[in-house]
């Protein structure tokens, strides 16, 4: 009996270790578990739809399956919104943000610095600060 319990426990442990959501949570990436959870919820919602289609028309099980699928779809939408709020801007949007910031800072430099120093500042911005800013924004 003890051997069966240990075998069951070991099988459960292996199953958990192979679970995509568990692996994503262990990865250390903040967003990966949310993407995997959304995918897993979508898979479950699809399975619920299949089960509902296969169920006897008019049975109570049909309503329960539909309710569970609607709840899963609601969770998928919530995760999608959360991911959208946390996501890094698209490359073209990021480029526009940096260009806008460069323009604003450049104008401010021209207002308070002599022309030669303002140009030196803008060049240093392009060469040093802009690449670092891009790295920071991409790895937020």
C-alpha atoms as a PDB file:
ATOM      1  CA  UNK A   1       0.000   0.000   0.000  1.00  0.00           C
ATOM      2  CA  UNK A   2       2.823   2.406   0.906  1.00  0.00           C
ATOM      3  CA  UNK A   3       4.479   1.751  -2.457  1.00  0.00           C
ATOM      4  CA  UNK A   4       1.254   2.682  -4.284  1.00  0.00           C
ATOM      5  CA  UNK A   5       0.966   5.906  -2.295  1.00  0.00           C
ATOM      6  CA  UNK A   6       4.592   6.797  -3.068  1.00  0.00           C
ATOM      7  CA  UNK A   7       4.115   5.937  -6.761  1.00  0.00           C
ATOM      8  CA  UNK A   8       0.993   8.132  -6.866  1.00  0.00           C
ATOM      9  CA  UNK A   9       2.820  10.980  -5.123  1.00  0.00           C
ATOM     10  CA  UNK A  10       5.763  10.672  -7.549  1.00  0.00           C
ATOM     11  CA  UNK A  11       3.435  10.633 -10.541  1.00  0.00           C
ATOM     12  CA  UNK A  12       1.694  13.756  -9.225  1.00  0.00           C
ATOM     13  CA  UNK A  13       5.025  15.472  -8.682  1.00  0.00           C
ATOM     14  CA  UNK A  14       6.152  14.705 -12.258  1.00  0.00           C
ATOM     15  CA  UNK A  15       2.836  15.960 -13.604  1.00  0.00           C
ATOM     16  CA  UNK A  16       3.172  19.247 -11.722  1.00  0.00           C
ATOM     17  CA  UNK A  17       6.791  19.682 -12.846  1.00  0.00           C
ATOM     18  CA  UNK A  18       5.710  19.325 -16.493  1.00  0.00           C
ATOM     19  CA  UNK A  19       2.728  21.672 -16.191  1.00  0.00           C
ATOM     20  CA  UNK A  20       3.229  24.676 -18.505  1.00  0.00           C
ATOM     21  CA  UNK A  21       1.788  27.147 -15.991  1.00  0.00           C
ATOM     22  CA  UNK A  22       4.066  25.866 -13.216  1.00  0.00           C
ATOM     23  CA  UNK A  23       7.081  26.100 -15.534  1.00  0.00           C
ATOM     24  CA  UNK A  24       6.120  29.648 -16.550  1.00  0.00           C
ATOM     25  CA  UNK A  25       5.756  30.674 -12.898  1.00  0.00           C
ATOM     26  CA  UNK A  26       9.222  29.287 -12.153  1.00  0.00           C
ATOM     27  CA  UNK A  27      10.758  31.169 -15.080  1.00  0.00           C
ATOM     28  CA  UNK A  28      10.930  34.446 -13.187  1.00  0.00           C
ATOM     29  CA  UNK A  29       9.268  36.326 -16.047  1.00  0.00           C
ATOM     30  CA  UNK A  30       6.386  38.450 -14.758  1.00  0.00           C
ATOM     31  CA  UNK A  31       4.262  38.193 -17.903  1.00  0.00           C
ATOM     32  CA  UNK A  32       4.863  34.601 -19.024  1.00  0.00           C
ATOM     33  CA  UNK A  33       2.546  33.005 -16.410  1.00  0.00           C
ATOM     34  CA  UNK A  34      -0.252  35.345 -17.502  1.00  0.00           C
ATOM     35  CA  UNK A  35       0.174  34.398 -21.157  1.00  0.00           C
ATOM     36  CA  UNK A  36       0.238  30.691 -20.273  1.00  0.00           C
ATOM     37  CA  UNK A  37      -2.782  31.036 -17.960  1.00  0.00           C
ATOM     38  CA  UNK A  38      -4.710  32.738 -20.741  1.00  0.00           C
ATOM     39  CA  UNK A  39      -3.787  29.928 -23.138  1.00  0.00           C
ATOM     40  CA  UNK A  40      -4.784  27.267 -20.593  1.00  0.00           C
ATOM     41  CA  UNK A  41      -8.113  29.033 -19.963  1.00  0.00           C
ATOM     42  CA  UNK A  42      -8.761  29.159 -23.706  1.00  0.00           C
ATOM     43  CA  UNK A  43      -8.052  25.435 -23.952  1.00  0.00           C
ATOM     44  CA  UNK A  44     -10.496  24.731 -21.106  1.00  0.00           C
ATOM     45  CA  UNK A  45     -13.126  27.005 -22.666  1.00  0.00           C
ATOM     46  CA  UNK A  46     -12.797  25.105 -25.943  1.00  0.00           C
ATOM     47  CA  UNK A  47     -13.162  21.796 -24.101  1.00  0.00           C
ATOM     48  CA  UNK A  48     -16.296  23.124 -22.366  1.00  0.00           C
ATOM     49  CA  UNK A  49     -17.777  24.112 -25.722  1.00  0.00           C
ATOM     50  CA  UNK A  50     -17.067  20.649 -27.099  1.00  0.00           C
ATOM     51  CA  UNK A  51     -18.662  19.044 -24.019  1.00  0.00           C
ATOM     52  CA  UNK A  52     -21.722  21.315 -24.365  1.00  0.00           C
ATOM     53  CA  UNK A  53     -22.125  20.409 -28.042  1.00  0.00           C
ATOM     54  CA  UNK A  54     -21.869  16.714 -27.147  1.00  0.00           C
ATOM     55  CA  UNK A  55     -24.335  16.937 -24.251  1.00  0.00           C
ATOM     56  CA  UNK A  56     -27.979  15.957 -24.523  1.00  0.00           C
ATOM     57  CA  UNK A  57     -30.005  18.948 -25.775  1.00  0.00           C
ATOM     58  CA  UNK A  58     -32.122  20.496 -23.039  1.00  0.00           C
ATOM     59  CA  UNK A  59     -30.261  18.824 -20.176  1.00  0.00           C
ATOM     60  CA  UNK A  60     -29.213  20.727 -17.062  1.00  0.00           C
ATOM     61  CA  UNK A  61     -25.622  19.896 -17.918  1.00  0.00           C
ATOM     62  CA  UNK A  62     -25.869  22.084 -21.036  1.00  0.00           C
ATOM     63  CA  UNK A  63     -26.613  25.149 -18.917  1.00  0.00           C
ATOM     64  CA  UNK A  64     -23.835  24.361 -16.443  1.00  0.00           C
ATOM     65  CA  UNK A  65     -21.313  23.915 -19.235  1.00  0.00           C
ATOM     66  CA  UNK A  66     -22.396  27.181 -20.858  1.00  0.00           C
ATOM     67  CA  UNK A  67     -22.072  29.029 -17.534  1.00  0.00           C
ATOM     68  CA  UNK A  68     -18.613  27.607 -16.917  1.00  0.00           C
ATOM     69  CA  UNK A  69     -17.528  28.535 -20.452  1.00  0.00           C
ATOM     70  CA  UNK A  70     -18.820  32.095 -20.034  1.00  0.00           C
ATOM     71  CA  UNK A  71     -16.873  32.407 -16.768  1.00  0.00           C
ATOM     72  CA  UNK A  72     -13.729  31.135 -18.513  1.00  0.00           C
ATOM     73  CA  UNK A  73     -14.217  33.611 -21.371  1.00  0.00           C
ATOM     74  CA  UNK A  74     -14.631  36.420 -18.835  1.00  0.00           C
ATOM     75  CA  UNK A  75     -11.337  35.422 -17.199  1.00  0.00           C
ATOM     76  CA  UNK A  76      -9.613  35.316 -20.589  1.00  0.00           C
ATOM     77  CA  UNK A  77     -10.820  38.864 -21.272  1.00  0.00           C
ATOM     78  CA  UNK A  78      -9.585  40.004 -17.836  1.00  0.00           C
ATOM     79  CA  UNK A  79      -6.156  38.469 -18.421  1.00  0.00           C
ATOM     80  CA  UNK A  80      -5.985  40.035 -21.868  1.00  0.00           C
ATOM     81  CA  UNK A  81      -6.713  43.471 -20.398  1.00  0.00           C
ATOM     82  CA  UNK A  82      -4.144  42.932 -17.639  1.00  0.00           C
ATOM     83  CA  UNK A  83      -1.532  41.899 -20.190  1.00  0.00           C
ATOM     84  CA  UNK A  84      -2.340  44.926 -22.315  1.00  0.00           C
ATOM     85  CA  UNK A  85      -1.852  47.255 -19.330  1.00  0.00           C
ATOM     86  CA  UNK A  86       1.487  45.631 -18.479  1.00  0.00           C
ATOM     87  CA  UNK A  87       2.816  45.194 -22.001  1.00  0.00           C
ATOM     88  CA  UNK A  88       5.792  47.031 -23.415  1.00  0.00           C
ATOM     89  CA  UNK A  89       4.833  49.511 -26.152  1.00  0.00           C
ATOM     90  CA  UNK A  90       5.138  48.311 -29.729  1.00  0.00           C
ATOM     91  CA  UNK A  91       8.469  49.238 -31.384  1.00  0.00           C
ATOM     92  CA  UNK A  92       6.937  51.964 -33.567  1.00  0.00           C
ATOM     93  CA  UNK A  93       5.137  53.482 -30.585  1.00  0.00           C
ATOM     94  CA  UNK A  94       8.314  53.288 -28.514  1.00  0.00           C
ATOM     95  CA  UNK A  95      10.205  55.092 -31.297  1.00  0.00           C
ATOM     96  CA  UNK A  96       7.572  57.863 -31.339  1.00  0.00           C
ATOM     97  CA  UNK A  97       7.769  58.212 -27.539  1.00  0.00           C
ATOM     98  CA  UNK A  98      11.560  58.547 -27.623  1.00  0.00           C
ATOM     99  CA  UNK A  99      11.440  60.968 -30.583  1.00  0.00           C
ATOM    100  CA  UNK A 100       8.886  63.116 -28.759  1.00  0.00           C
ATOM    101  CA  UNK A 101      10.977  63.096 -25.610  1.00  0.00           C
ATOM    102  CA  UNK A 102      14.122  63.930 -27.617  1.00  0.00           C
ATOM    103  CA  UNK A 103      12.325  66.899 -29.197  1.00  0.00           C
ATOM    104  CA  UNK A 104      11.033  68.238 -25.877  1.00  0.00           C
ATOM    105  CA  UNK A 105      14.403  67.877 -24.135  1.00  0.00           C
ATOM    106  CA  UNK A 106      16.204  69.354 -27.179  1.00  0.00           C
ATOM    107  CA  UNK A 107      13.939  72.404 -27.162  1.00  0.00           C
ATOM    108  CA  UNK A 108      14.507  72.856 -23.431  1.00  0.00           C
ATOM    109  CA  UNK A 109      18.284  72.586 -23.936  1.00  0.00           C
ATOM    110  CA  UNK A 110      18.164  75.225 -26.678  1.00  0.00           C
ATOM    111  CA  UNK A 111      16.237  77.548 -24.376  1.00  0.00           C
ATOM    112  CA  UNK A 112      18.646  77.373 -21.425  1.00  0.00           C
ATOM    113  CA  UNK A 113      22.045  76.547 -22.953  1.00  0.00           C
ATOM    114  CA  UNK A 114      24.246  78.376 -25.426  1.00  0.00           C
ATOM    115  CA  UNK A 115      23.802  76.988 -28.962  1.00  0.00           C
ATOM    116  CA  UNK A 116      27.108  75.092 -28.943  1.00  0.00           C
ATOM    117  CA  UNK A 117      26.358  73.430 -25.592  1.00  0.00           C
ATOM    118  CA  UNK A 118      22.781  72.628 -26.609  1.00  0.00           C
ATOM    119  CA  UNK A 119      24.088  70.826 -29.709  1.00  0.00           C
ATOM    120  CA  UNK A 120      26.635  68.920 -27.611  1.00  0.00           C
ATOM    121  CA  UNK A 121      23.872  67.937 -25.189  1.00  0.00           C
ATOM    122  CA  UNK A 122      21.576  66.714 -27.986  1.00  0.00           C
ATOM    123  CA  UNK A 123      24.410  64.691 -29.514  1.00  0.00           C
ATOM    124  CA  UNK A 124      25.193  63.108 -26.124  1.00  0.00           C
ATOM    125  CA  UNK A 125      21.457  62.364 -25.731  1.00  0.00           C
ATOM    126  CA  UNK A 126      21.384  60.526 -29.063  1.00  0.00           C
ATOM    127  CA  UNK A 127      24.572  58.592 -28.415  1.00  0.00           C
ATOM    128  CA  UNK A 128      24.266  57.681 -24.745  1.00  0.00           C
ATOM    129  CA  UNK A 129      20.902  58.342 -23.203  1.00  0.00           C
ATOM    130  CA  UNK A 130      18.597  57.236 -26.016  1.00  0.00           C
ATOM    131  CA  UNK A 131      19.953  53.648 -26.251  1.00  0.00           C
ATOM    132  CA  UNK A 132      19.801  53.286 -22.461  1.00  0.00           C
ATOM    133  CA  UNK A 133      16.267  54.649 -22.369  1.00  0.00           C
ATOM    134  CA  UNK A 134      15.235  52.174 -25.065  1.00  0.00           C
ATOM    135  CA  UNK A 135      16.728  49.289 -23.058  1.00  0.00           C
ATOM    136  CA  UNK A 136      14.914  50.406 -19.907  1.00  0.00           C
ATOM    137  CA  UNK A 137      11.559  50.760 -21.635  1.00  0.00           C
ATOM    138  CA  UNK A 138      11.851  47.394 -23.372  1.00  0.00           C
ATOM    139  CA  UNK A 139      12.745  45.574 -20.133  1.00  0.00           C
ATOM    140  CA  UNK A 140      10.140  47.200 -17.878  1.00  0.00           C
END
